[in-house]
Protein backbone atom coordinates (compact mmCIF):
# COMPACT_ATOMS: atom_id res chain seq x y z
CA MET A 1 -0.17 0.07 0.20
CA SER A 2 1.63 3.12 -1.09
CA THR A 3 0.58 6.84 0.59
CA ASN A 4 1.41 10.27 -1.33
CA PHE A 5 2.57 12.87 1.48
CA CYS A 6 3.28 15.53 -1.14
CA ALA A 7 0.06 17.88 -0.24
CA GLY A 8 2.40 21.03 -0.85
CA GLN A 9 3.68 20.29 -4.40
CA ASN A 10 0.05 21.41 -5.73
CA ASN A 11 0.52 24.58 -3.74
CA ALA A 12 3.58 25.58 -5.19
CA GLU A 13 2.41 24.86 -8.52
CA ASP A 14 -0.58 26.54 -8.19
CA SER A 15 1.17 30.02 -7.16
CA ARG A 16 3.36 30.10 -10.22
CA PHE A 17 2.58 33.14 -12.69
CA THR A 18 0.67 30.73 -15.52
CA GLY A 19 1.46 33.73 -18.39
CA LEU A 20 -0.71 35.61 -20.64
CA LYS A 21 -3.24 34.24 -23.43
CA LYS A 22 -0.83 33.20 -26.54
CA ASN A 23 -2.56 35.88 -29.19
CA ALA A 24 -3.21 39.78 -28.55
CA ILE A 25 -4.54 42.12 -30.81
CA HIS A 26 -4.50 46.44 -30.25
CA PHE A 27 -5.34 48.98 -31.76
CA THR A 28 -3.35 51.97 -30.98
CA PRO A 29 -5.39 55.64 -31.33
CA GLY A 30 -3.16 58.37 -31.08
CA VAL A 31 -2.15 61.95 -31.75
CA GLN A 32 1.18 60.77 -33.76
CA ALA A 33 -0.26 57.83 -35.27
CA LEU A 34 -2.50 55.16 -35.89
CA THR A 35 -1.93 51.30 -36.00
CA LEU A 36 -3.18 47.67 -35.80
CA SER A 37 -1.25 45.04 -33.66
CA TYR A 38 -1.00 41.36 -33.66
CA GLU A 39 0.84 39.81 -30.63
CA ARG A 40 1.89 36.12 -30.25
CA LYS A 41 3.68 34.61 -26.81
CA LEU A 42 6.87 32.87 -28.16
CA TRP A 43 8.20 32.04 -25.29
CA HIS A 44 7.30 30.97 -21.34
CA PRO A 45 10.09 30.24 -19.12
CA LYS A 46 9.52 26.97 -17.21
CA LYS A 47 11.55 28.42 -14.31
CA GLU A 48 10.15 29.43 -11.01
CA ASN A 49 11.07 33.27 -10.90
CA PRO A 50 12.52 34.33 -14.31
CA PHE A 51 13.10 38.15 -14.95
CA PHE A 52 11.30 38.00 -18.20
CA LYS A 53 8.05 36.03 -17.38
CA THR A 54 6.71 36.02 -21.12
CA ILE A 55 8.81 36.64 -24.47
CA THR A 56 6.10 37.85 -27.62
CA GLY A 57 6.86 38.63 -31.16
CA ARG A 58 4.51 41.63 -32.64
CA PHE A 59 3.81 42.63 -36.14
CA GLU A 60 2.16 46.02 -36.50
CA GLY A 61 1.30 48.35 -39.48
CA GLY A 62 -0.52 51.90 -39.62
CA VAL A 63 -0.15 55.36 -40.32
CA PHE A 64 1.97 58.37 -38.81
CA GLN A 65 2.64 61.62 -39.01
CA ALA A 66 5.97 62.92 -39.34
CA VAL A 67 5.77 65.33 -36.38
CA LEU A 68 9.56 65.82 -35.37
CA ASN A 69 10.37 66.44 -39.20
CA ALA A 70 7.08 68.78 -39.41
CA ALA A 71 8.76 71.15 -36.95
CA PHE A 72 11.54 71.32 -38.93
CA SER A 73 10.50 71.36 -42.54
CA ASP A 74 7.15 71.63 -44.57
CA ASP A 75 6.55 67.81 -44.16
CA SER A 76 3.41 67.47 -42.57
CA GLU A 77 2.04 64.16 -44.89
CA ILE A 78 0.61 61.00 -43.62
CA HIS A 79 3.22 58.00 -43.71
CA SER A 80 2.59 54.15 -43.52
CA PHE A 81 4.69 51.61 -41.66
CA TYR A 82 5.11 48.19 -40.62
CA ALA A 83 7.35 46.55 -37.64
CA LEU A 84 8.52 43.48 -36.35
CA SER A 85 9.53 43.30 -32.92
CA VAL A 86 10.37 41.41 -29.83
CA SER A 87 9.46 42.22 -26.33
CA GLY A 88 10.09 41.23 -22.58
CA ILE A 89 7.28 41.20 -20.57
CA THR A 90 8.34 41.09 -16.35
CA GLY A 91 5.63 41.15 -13.67
CA LYS A 92 3.42 38.14 -11.73
CA GLY A 93 -0.05 40.00 -11.52
CA LYS A 94 -1.76 42.60 -13.45
CA ASN A 95 0.75 45.13 -13.67
CA HIS A 96 4.09 44.41 -16.25
CA LEU A 97 6.71 46.49 -17.57
CA GLU A 98 7.41 45.70 -21.47
CA VAL A 99 11.19 46.20 -23.00
CA GLY A 100 11.53 45.58 -26.33
CA PHE A 101 13.23 45.95 -29.52
CA GLY A 102 12.08 45.68 -33.46
CA ILE A 103 12.78 46.60 -36.96
CA ALA A 104 9.93 49.17 -38.52
CA ARG A 105 9.67 49.52 -42.29
CA THR A 106 8.35 53.27 -43.06
CA ASP A 107 7.72 54.99 -46.40
CA HIS A 108 9.58 57.75 -44.69
CA ALA A 109 12.46 57.03 -42.16
CA GLU A 110 13.01 59.90 -39.47
CA LYS A 111 16.71 59.00 -38.69
CA ILE A 112 15.75 58.60 -35.20
CA TYR A 113 17.06 56.02 -33.63
CA CYS A 114 19.83 53.49 -36.11
CA CYS A 115 18.70 54.17 -39.60
CA LEU A 116 19.98 51.03 -41.65
CA ASN A 117 18.45 53.00 -44.69
CA THR A 118 15.97 55.62 -45.89
CA TYR A 119 13.07 53.01 -45.65
CA TYR A 120 14.17 50.89 -42.43
CA ASP A 121 14.67 51.93 -38.57
CA ILE A 122 16.01 49.78 -35.51
CA TYR A 123 14.11 51.52 -32.44
CA PRO A 124 13.88 50.38 -28.75
CA SER A 125 10.38 50.16 -26.90
CA ILE A 126 9.57 50.43 -23.02
CA GLY A 127 6.11 50.37 -22.04
CA TYR A 128 3.44 49.43 -19.18
CA ARG A 129 1.06 46.79 -19.74
CA LEU A 130 -2.13 46.20 -17.28
CA GLN A 131 -3.15 42.36 -18.26
CA LYS A 132 -4.33 39.76 -15.63
CA PRO A 133 -2.86 36.74 -15.90
CA ASP A 134 -5.05 35.03 -18.43
CA GLY A 135 -7.03 37.96 -18.68
CA LYS A 136 -8.57 38.81 -22.11
CA PHE A 137 -8.72 42.91 -21.72
CA VAL A 138 -5.20 44.57 -22.58
CA PHE A 139 -3.85 48.29 -22.01
CA ARG A 140 -0.46 49.04 -22.90
CA ALA A 141 0.83 52.73 -22.73
CA GLY A 142 4.83 53.77 -23.45
CA VAL A 143 7.73 54.65 -25.65
CA SER A 144 8.64 53.50 -29.13
CA HIS A 145 9.20 54.34 -32.58
CA PRO A 146 7.84 55.66 -35.45
CA ARG A 147 4.80 56.56 -32.65
CA TYR A 148 6.67 58.22 -29.98
CA THR A 149 4.06 57.61 -27.01
CA TYR A 150 1.25 55.23 -27.38
CA ILE A 151 -1.64 54.31 -25.86
CA SER A 152 -3.26 51.17 -26.69
CA VAL A 153 -6.46 48.69 -26.16
CA GLY A 154 -6.40 45.22 -26.69
CA TYR A 155 -7.81 41.68 -26.49
CA ALA A 156 -6.33 38.61 -25.70
CA PHE A 157 -7.42 35.45 -26.63
């Protein structure tokens, strides 16, 4: 006859961060840009307490106004961009820090960060994310290129 006395084992498993939903769609209305993003969870570590709880990849597209260039020239046209980025997300509860980088293809590169040429920019991003573990509502705010500052709402599934 065998008895299992590992009652505490399930409690440790239940208290671990279960992660965010695998997919999310974000809409970013803003002063500088209007974007739509698709985000996919790429990696969720198995370790007990990693710094980055989730690594995501994001594809986004949208339009923006070259605000910085418009201040110094007559360029006030609307420009389009597409971007691929990778972000690390920290935090166990509903409040998270997002840190990432990406590459954007624009029809009007502004040479703010590290320009590869006149159409591609490598850019950093940092922001706040409100999303409960396994929650569906996503709120994001931060700084990124070519949107500069952003506030977005989304749905995770």
